[in-house]
Amino acid sequence: MYIEKISLLNFKNYPELELSFSEHINLFVGLNGSGKTNLLDAIYCLCLTKSFLAFTDQQMITTNQAYFSALGWFHEKSKEFKIQYDFDGKKKSFTVDKKPYTRISEHIGKFPAIVLTPHDTDLIRNGAEDRRRFFDTLFSQADHVYLEALIRYTHFIKQRNALLKQASEGVLIDRILMDAYDHNLLQSGAIIASKRNEYLNRLLPIFQEYYTLLSPDHERTTIEYETKVLAPDFEKTFKDSYSKDLILQRTNKGIHKDDFKFIINGEAVKQYGSQGQQKTFVIALKLAQYELLKACTGHTPILLMDDIFDKLDDQRIEKLISLVQKYVKGQLFISDARPDRSGTFFQSNTKEFRMFIIDQGKVKQSDIRF
């Protein structure tokens, strides 16, 4: 799968733009703040129906404009698909070949994409919520049963928490309604926890292999899934927590409390991993994500690499580029503030290669060939 062309209108710092890409490798170069990442985000939006940067659609509209539109022409197995993402300031619209989905979530996994960013090490440093979000995004693209269970769980946890809050305001709780919420949370939570465990076990050996290939040292790495939901007595634990839930006005047991522990040489990467080790850890994790999605969806994901050479030494950069050239068979987008650095490591590249120079929302294709 690859994206042939993109057309943007009022998207971030691009009032109007149309670009055609190589189906193999595309390099965006320009100073920081010029708009390289915004182009990668536009592609990501068309694949996953949301930004990897902005929290709301409103944040993606060009300043002083009322709406944005993003179109992408995708190719998959000799078929072309026109994906359009519009937001008019209030309502979001998402269509494929001008046909809207019954639910936008139906699009997830059909055009898989993975993004590597300089902030990926936040997965290590930040709290469990960020790690859950990362694995939820991955597993939702890989498995629609997982996605549907996650949507149900998210809906019912909000409803249950709203009931708990009403109780603190003196409203008598409808126990029949609460029991219905509990049943749905326990059912969908069990599906999610089971699939998290299943997919992590599939992901782990791929991740460990990539880490070994990337690292100049020989560290032992693993990822541990921490959950209480798979315990035989979890239903009792969940119901026994009702009194505490009432006091705190929120649900305290469930998959929304899970975590994924990143381990290197038996110790938490967060506390004991160097900057280079942390960056290598998340890059290996993203490359493993690429392989898992390809296997689960039957589609070759688009890989977006945003300024990830920063804070990597030359040896790790060289290994990363070598791995990408060897194992990434689909379309690749790379952004870099230093074209000399990117060029050095693409001199031996034999695939079609396009380079775009970006300057404050202005984009032109370069004639340079490495």
Protein backbone atom coordinates (compact mmCIF):
# COMPACT_ATOMS: atom_id res chain seq x y z
CA MET A 1 0.00 0.00 0.00
CA TYR A 2 1.16 3.53 -0.70
CA ILE A 3 -0.15 7.08 -1.00
CA GLU A 4 0.38 8.54 -4.45
CA LYS A 5 -0.79 12.10 -3.89
CA ILE A 6 -2.09 14.40 -1.20
CA SER A 7 -4.11 17.61 -1.39
CA LEU A 8 -4.48 19.93 1.61
CA LEU A 9 -6.64 22.96 2.18
CA ASN A 10 -6.32 25.04 5.38
CA PHE A 11 -4.43 22.22 7.11
CA LYS A 12 -2.16 23.66 9.81
CA ASN A 13 0.50 25.85 8.10
CA TYR A 14 -0.58 24.77 4.60
CA PRO A 15 -3.34 27.04 3.22
CA GLU A 16 -3.22 25.07 -0.03
CA LEU A 17 -0.89 22.29 -1.14
CA GLU A 18 -0.77 19.36 -3.54
CA LEU A 19 2.12 16.88 -3.68
CA SER A 20 2.87 13.62 -5.48
CA PHE A 21 5.10 11.05 -3.79
CA SER A 22 7.39 8.18 -4.61
CA GLU A 23 5.85 4.84 -3.68
CA HIS A 24 9.15 3.97 -2.04
CA ILE A 25 11.12 6.67 -0.14
CA ASN A 26 10.26 10.34 0.46
CA LEU A 27 12.44 12.77 2.39
CA PHE A 28 11.18 16.07 3.80
CA VAL A 29 13.99 18.45 4.74
CA GLY A 30 13.82 21.92 6.26
CA LEU A 31 14.44 23.89 9.40
CA ASN A 32 12.59 23.06 12.59
CA GLY A 33 9.15 24.66 12.53
CA SER A 34 8.96 24.78 8.73
CA GLY A 35 6.10 22.25 8.46
CA LYS A 36 7.79 18.89 7.92
CA THR A 37 5.93 17.22 10.77
CA ASN A 38 2.61 18.69 9.65
CA LEU A 39 2.93 16.87 6.32
CA LEU A 40 3.58 13.58 8.08
CA ASP A 41 0.60 14.27 10.33
CA ALA A 42 -1.67 14.86 7.34
CA ILE A 43 -0.78 11.39 6.00
CA TYR A 44 -1.30 9.87 9.44
CA CYS A 45 -4.71 11.55 9.72
CA LEU A 46 -5.86 10.01 6.45
CA CYS A 47 -4.77 6.56 7.66
CA LEU A 48 -6.02 6.64 11.25
CA THR A 49 -8.75 9.34 11.21
CA LYS A 50 -6.93 11.42 13.81
CA SER A 51 -3.72 13.38 14.38
CA PHE A 52 -0.67 12.08 16.20
CA LEU A 53 0.00 15.65 17.35
CA ALA A 54 -3.25 17.58 17.87
CA PHE A 55 -5.81 16.72 20.54
CA THR A 56 -8.74 18.17 18.59
CA ASP A 57 -9.70 18.69 14.95
CA GLN A 58 -9.99 22.40 15.64
CA GLN A 59 -6.23 22.58 16.26
CA MET A 60 -5.55 21.39 12.72
CA ILE A 61 -7.29 24.31 11.00
CA THR A 62 -5.05 27.01 9.53
CA THR A 63 -5.11 30.16 11.67
CA ASN A 64 -8.08 32.46 10.90
CA GLN A 65 -9.79 29.85 8.75
CA ALA A 66 -13.08 28.07 9.43
CA TYR A 67 -12.39 24.54 8.14
CA PHE A 68 -9.80 22.16 6.73
CA SER A 69 -9.84 19.44 4.10
CA ALA A 70 -7.30 16.68 3.46
CA LEU A 71 -7.44 14.29 0.50
CA GLY A 72 -5.22 11.35 -0.27
CA TRP A 73 -5.04 9.01 -3.24
CA PHE A 74 -4.01 5.55 -1.99
CA HIS A 75 -3.06 2.47 -3.98
CA GLU A 76 -3.49 -1.07 -2.71
CA LYS A 77 -3.19 -4.18 -4.92
CA SER A 78 -3.89 -2.33 -8.20
CA LYS A 79 -6.87 -0.48 -6.72
CA GLU A 80 -7.06 3.26 -6.05
CA PHE A 81 -8.88 4.76 -3.07
CA LYS A 82 -9.63 8.43 -2.55
CA ILE A 83 -9.74 9.20 1.16
CA GLN A 84 -11.14 12.55 2.27
CA TYR A 85 -11.08 14.04 5.75
CA ASP A 86 -13.05 17.26 6.31
CA PHE A 87 -13.77 19.32 9.39
CA ASP A 88 -16.01 22.40 9.22
CA GLY A 89 -15.27 23.67 12.72
CA LYS A 90 -18.03 21.56 14.28
CA LYS A 91 -18.50 18.30 12.42
CA LYS A 92 -15.97 15.76 11.18
CA SER A 93 -16.49 13.95 7.87
CA PHE A 94 -14.50 10.94 6.65
CA THR A 95 -15.15 9.24 3.31
CA VAL A 96 -13.52 6.70 0.98
CA ASP A 97 -14.37 7.18 -2.70
CA LYS A 98 -17.00 9.71 -1.54
CA LYS A 99 -18.78 7.05 0.54
CA PRO A 100 -19.11 7.79 4.27
CA TYR A 101 -18.65 5.11 6.89
CA THR A 102 -21.50 4.10 9.17
CA ARG A 103 -18.90 4.59 11.90
CA ILE A 104 -15.52 6.20 11.35
CA SER A 105 -13.89 3.42 13.40
CA GLU A 106 -14.52 1.07 10.45
CA HIS A 107 -11.60 2.78 8.67
CA ILE A 108 -9.05 1.75 11.32
CA GLY A 109 -6.69 -0.96 10.08
CA LYS A 110 -7.57 -0.66 6.38
CA PHE A 111 -4.73 1.77 5.67
CA PRO A 112 -2.26 1.11 8.52
CA ALA A 113 0.43 3.63 9.38
CA ILE A 114 3.15 3.92 11.99
CA VAL A 115 4.90 7.08 13.10
CA LEU A 116 8.25 7.42 14.85
CA THR A 117 8.81 10.80 16.50
CA PRO A 118 11.44 12.46 18.72
CA HIS A 119 8.91 12.31 21.56
CA ASP A 120 8.43 8.54 21.47
CA THR A 121 10.66 8.13 24.51
CA ASP A 122 7.79 9.76 26.43
CA LEU A 123 6.32 6.24 26.30
CA ILE A 124 9.09 5.27 28.70
CA ARG A 125 9.20 8.39 30.87
CA ASN A 126 5.48 9.16 31.15
CA GLY A 127 2.72 7.34 32.97
CA ALA A 128 0.84 4.14 32.18
CA GLU A 129 -1.87 6.01 30.24
CA ASP A 130 0.54 6.83 27.40
CA ARG A 131 1.70 3.22 27.14
CA ARG A 132 -1.88 1.94 27.10
CA ARG A 133 -2.73 4.45 24.38
CA PHE A 134 0.22 3.28 22.26
CA PHE A 135 -0.71 -0.41 22.52
CA ASP A 136 -4.42 0.35 22.05
CA THR A 137 -3.63 2.17 18.78
CA LEU A 138 -1.50 -0.75 17.60
CA PHE A 139 -3.87 -3.55 18.58
CA SER A 140 -6.91 -1.63 17.28
CA GLN A 141 -5.33 -1.47 13.83
CA ALA A 142 -4.46 -5.17 14.03
CA ASP A 143 -7.81 -6.49 15.26
CA HIS A 144 -11.31 -5.03 14.92
CA VAL A 145 -12.62 -7.23 17.72
CA TYR A 146 -10.15 -5.45 19.99
CA LEU A 147 -11.21 -2.05 18.67
CA GLU A 148 -14.92 -2.76 19.17
CA ALA A 149 -14.29 -4.02 22.71
CA LEU A 150 -12.25 -0.91 23.47
CA ILE A 151 -15.00 1.38 22.15
CA ARG A 152 -17.58 -0.42 24.30
CA TYR A 153 -15.36 -0.32 27.37
CA THR A 154 -14.65 3.40 26.94
CA HIS A 155 -18.38 4.11 26.60
CA PHE A 156 -19.44 2.13 29.66
CA ILE A 157 -16.65 3.38 31.92
CA LYS A 158 -17.81 6.94 31.21
CA GLN A 159 -21.42 6.01 31.95
CA ARG A 160 -20.51 4.18 35.15
CA ASN A 161 -18.33 7.04 36.39
CA ALA A 162 -21.17 9.47 35.70
CA LEU A 163 -23.47 7.37 37.89
CA LEU A 164 -20.89 7.30 40.66
CA LYS A 165 -20.58 11.07 40.51
CA GLN A 166 -24.36 11.46 40.75
CA ALA A 167 -24.32 9.44 43.97
CA SER A 168 -21.94 11.99 45.51
CA GLU A 169 -24.53 14.66 44.70
CA GLY A 170 -27.26 12.80 46.58
CA VAL A 171 -28.89 11.08 43.61
CA LEU A 172 -30.00 7.50 44.30
CA ILE A 173 -28.10 5.08 42.08
CA ASP A 174 -30.11 2.86 39.75
CA ARG A 175 -28.67 -0.55 40.69
CA ILE A 176 -30.11 -2.30 37.64
CA LEU A 177 -28.36 0.22 35.38
CA MET A 178 -25.14 -0.08 37.39
CA ASP A 179 -25.24 -3.88 37.10
CA ALA A 180 -25.65 -3.56 33.33
CA TYR A 181 -22.60 -1.30 33.16
CA ASP A 182 -20.63 -3.71 35.33
CA HIS A 183 -21.54 -6.66 33.10
CA ASN A 184 -20.45 -4.83 29.96
CA LEU A 185 -17.20 -3.62 31.54
CA LEU A 186 -16.29 -7.08 32.77
CA GLN A 187 -17.11 -8.65 29.41
CA SER A 188 -15.28 -6.15 27.18
CA GLY A 189 -12.43 -5.78 29.68
CA ALA A 190 -11.76 -9.52 29.61
CA ILE A 191 -11.56 -9.44 25.79
CA ILE A 192 -9.16 -6.49 25.83
CA ALA A 193 -6.86 -7.95 28.51
CA SER A 194 -6.74 -11.33 26.79
CA LYS A 195 -5.89 -9.78 23.43
CA ARG A 196 -3.30 -7.43 24.95
CA ASN A 197 -1.59 -10.49 26.38
CA GLU A 198 -1.87 -12.40 23.09
CA TYR A 199 -0.56 -9.63 20.86
CA LEU A 200 2.24 -8.66 23.22
CA ASN A 201 3.46 -12.27 23.12
CA ARG A 202 3.51 -12.04 19.32
CA LEU A 203 5.20 -8.64 19.33
CA LEU A 204 7.90 -9.39 21.91
CA PRO A 205 10.26 -11.66 19.92
CA ILE A 206 10.11 -9.30 16.92
CA PHE A 207 10.90 -6.34 19.17
CA GLN A 208 13.81 -8.17 20.84
CA GLU A 209 15.29 -9.08 17.47
CA TYR A 210 15.15 -5.46 16.27
CA TYR A 211 16.65 -4.17 19.48
CA THR A 212 19.56 -6.59 19.13
CA LEU A 213 20.13 -5.49 15.53
CA LEU A 214 20.03 -1.79 16.49
CA SER A 215 22.12 -1.84 19.64
CA PRO A 216 25.93 -1.96 19.59
CA ASP A 217 25.77 -3.71 22.98
CA HIS A 218 24.13 -6.96 24.02
CA GLU A 219 21.39 -5.93 26.45
CA ARG A 220 18.54 -8.22 27.46
CA THR A 221 15.16 -6.59 26.87
CA THR A 222 11.56 -7.49 27.55
CA ILE A 223 8.09 -5.96 27.99
CA GLU A 224 5.82 -7.12 30.81
CA TYR A 225 2.06 -6.70 30.72
CA GLU A 226 0.66 -5.88 34.16
CA THR A 227 -3.05 -6.52 34.66
CA LYS A 228 -5.38 -7.86 37.33
CA VAL A 229 -8.22 -8.42 34.88
CA LEU A 230 -7.05 -11.91 33.87
CA ALA A 231 -7.00 -13.14 37.48
CA PRO A 232 -9.65 -15.86 38.16
CA ASP A 233 -11.20 -13.80 40.97
CA PHE A 234 -11.22 -10.44 39.16
CA GLU A 235 -15.03 -10.20 38.98
CA LYS A 236 -15.20 -10.46 42.79
CA THR A 237 -12.35 -7.92 43.14
CA PHE A 238 -14.20 -5.55 40.82
CA LYS A 239 -17.48 -5.78 42.72
CA ASP A 240 -15.77 -5.57 46.12
CA SER A 241 -14.35 -2.21 45.03
CA TYR A 242 -17.83 -0.66 44.77
CA SER A 243 -17.65 1.15 48.12
CA LYS A 244 -14.29 2.67 47.23
CA ASP A 245 -15.65 3.62 43.80
CA LEU A 246 -18.49 5.51 45.48
CA ILE A 247 -16.11 7.45 47.71
CA LEU A 248 -13.69 8.35 44.89
CA GLN A 249 -16.47 8.82 42.28
CA ARG A 250 -14.67 6.71 39.69
CA THR A 251 -14.09 3.07 38.73
CA ASN A 252 -10.87 1.84 40.32
CA LYS A 253 -10.52 -1.64 38.85
CA GLY A 254 -10.26 -2.64 35.21
CA ILE A 255 -8.12 -2.58 32.09
CA HIS A 256 -7.87 1.22 32.33
CA LYS A 257 -5.45 0.57 35.21
CA ASP A 258 -3.16 -1.78 33.25
CA ASP A 259 0.45 -0.98 32.47
CA PHE A 260 3.27 -2.23 30.25
CA LYS A 261 6.69 -2.36 31.90
CA PHE A 262 9.75 -1.78 29.69
CA ILE A 263 12.74 -3.75 30.99
CA ILE A 264 16.44 -3.78 30.06
CA ASN A 265 18.92 -6.09 31.78
CA GLY A 266 16.33 -6.82 34.45
CA GLU A 267 15.79 -3.15 35.34
CA ALA A 268 13.19 -0.57 34.34
CA VAL A 269 14.33 1.35 31.26
CA LYS A 270 12.70 4.47 32.75
CA GLN A 271 15.10 4.55 35.69
CA TYR A 272 18.21 2.83 34.39
CA GLY A 273 18.26 3.17 30.59
CA SER A 274 20.58 5.71 29.00
CA GLN A 275 19.20 8.21 26.49
CA GLY A 276 20.54 6.08 23.64
CA GLN A 277 19.06 2.90 25.11
CA GLN A 278 15.67 4.53 25.60
CA LYS A 279 15.62 5.81 22.03
CA THR A 280 16.74 2.43 20.67
CA PHE A 281 14.05 0.72 22.78
CA VAL A 282 11.18 2.73 21.29
CA ILE A 283 12.54 2.56 17.72
CA ALA A 284 12.75 -1.24 17.99
CA LEU A 285 9.21 -1.22 19.39
CA LYS A 286 7.91 0.81 16.43
CA LEU A 287 9.67 -1.42 13.88
CA ALA A 288 8.14 -4.46 15.59
CA GLN A 289 4.78 -2.69 15.38
CA TYR A 290 5.33 -2.43 11.61
CA GLU A 291 5.91 -6.19 11.30
CA LEU A 292 2.94 -7.11 13.49
CA LEU A 293 0.54 -4.86 11.57
CA LYS A 294 1.73 -6.25 8.25
CA ALA A 295 1.11 -9.79 9.48
CA CYS A 296 -2.28 -9.08 11.06
CA THR A 297 -3.87 -6.82 8.44
CA GLY A 298 -2.38 -8.20 5.24
CA HIS A 299 -1.47 -4.60 4.30
CA THR A 300 2.01 -3.12 4.23
CA PRO A 301 1.91 -0.10 6.57
CA ILE A 302 3.16 3.34 5.64
CA LEU A 303 6.12 4.23 7.85
CA LEU A 304 6.54 7.85 8.95
CA MET A 305 9.85 8.81 10.60
CA ASP A 306 9.89 12.31 12.04
CA ASP A 307 13.35 13.71 12.85
CA ILE A 308 14.32 10.52 14.67
CA PHE A 309 18.06 10.81 13.93
CA ASP A 310 18.29 13.46 16.62
CA LYS A 311 20.18 12.22 19.72
CA LEU A 312 21.34 9.04 17.95
CA ASP A 313 25.05 8.55 17.39
CA ASP A 314 26.31 7.82 13.86
CA GLN A 315 26.62 4.10 14.54
CA ARG A 316 22.99 3.76 15.62
CA ILE A 317 21.81 5.95 12.73
CA GLU A 318 23.69 3.78 10.25
CA LYS A 319 22.21 0.62 11.75
CA LEU A 320 18.72 2.10 11.72
CA ILE A 321 18.92 3.14 8.06
CA SER A 322 20.34 -0.26 7.15
CA LEU A 323 17.46 -2.00 8.93
CA VAL A 324 14.85 0.21 7.32
CA GLN A 325 16.29 -0.40 3.85
CA LYS A 326 16.41 -4.14 4.47
CA TYR A 327 13.11 -4.80 6.25
CA VAL A 328 10.72 -1.97 5.35
CA LYS A 329 9.23 -2.98 2.03
CA GLY A 330 6.48 -0.38 1.87
CA GLN A 331 6.36 3.37 1.50
CA LEU A 332 8.59 5.44 3.75
CA PHE A 333 8.48 9.11 4.72
CA ILE A 334 11.41 10.69 6.59
CA SER A 335 11.76 14.22 7.89
CA ASP A 336 15.16 15.66 8.79
CA ALA A 337 16.50 19.13 9.55
CA ARG A 338 19.89 18.10 8.11
CA PRO A 339 19.76 16.83 4.51
CA ASP A 340 23.51 16.16 4.56
CA ARG A 341 22.95 13.59 7.32
CA SER A 342 20.09 11.86 5.50
CA GLY A 343 21.96 11.96 2.20
CA THR A 344 25.01 10.28 3.64
CA PHE A 345 23.03 7.23 4.64
CA PHE A 346 20.96 7.02 1.45
CA GLN A 347 23.86 7.09 -0.99
CA SER A 348 23.63 3.32 -1.47
CA ASN A 349 19.85 3.34 -1.82
CA THR A 350 18.60 1.67 -5.00
CA LYS A 351 14.88 2.43 -4.64
CA GLU A 352 13.10 5.42 -6.14
CA PHE A 353 13.75 8.42 -3.92
CA ARG A 354 12.15 11.86 -3.76
CA MET A 355 13.34 14.79 -1.71
CA PHE A 356 11.19 17.79 -0.81
CA ILE A 357 12.53 21.10 0.51
CA ILE A 358 10.15 22.72 2.99
CA ASP A 359 10.30 26.34 4.06
CA GLN A 360 7.48 27.93 6.09
CA GLY A 361 4.66 26.06 4.39
CA LYS A 362 6.24 26.25 0.93
CA VAL A 363 7.25 22.91 -0.59
CA LYS A 364 9.30 22.18 -3.68
CA GLN A 365 10.70 18.93 -4.97
CA SER A 366 14.49 18.84 -5.16
CA ASP A 367 16.42 17.53 -8.15
CA ILE A 368 19.10 16.11 -5.84
CA ARG A 369 19.64 12.37 -6.14
CA PHE A 370 21.89 10.61 -3.68
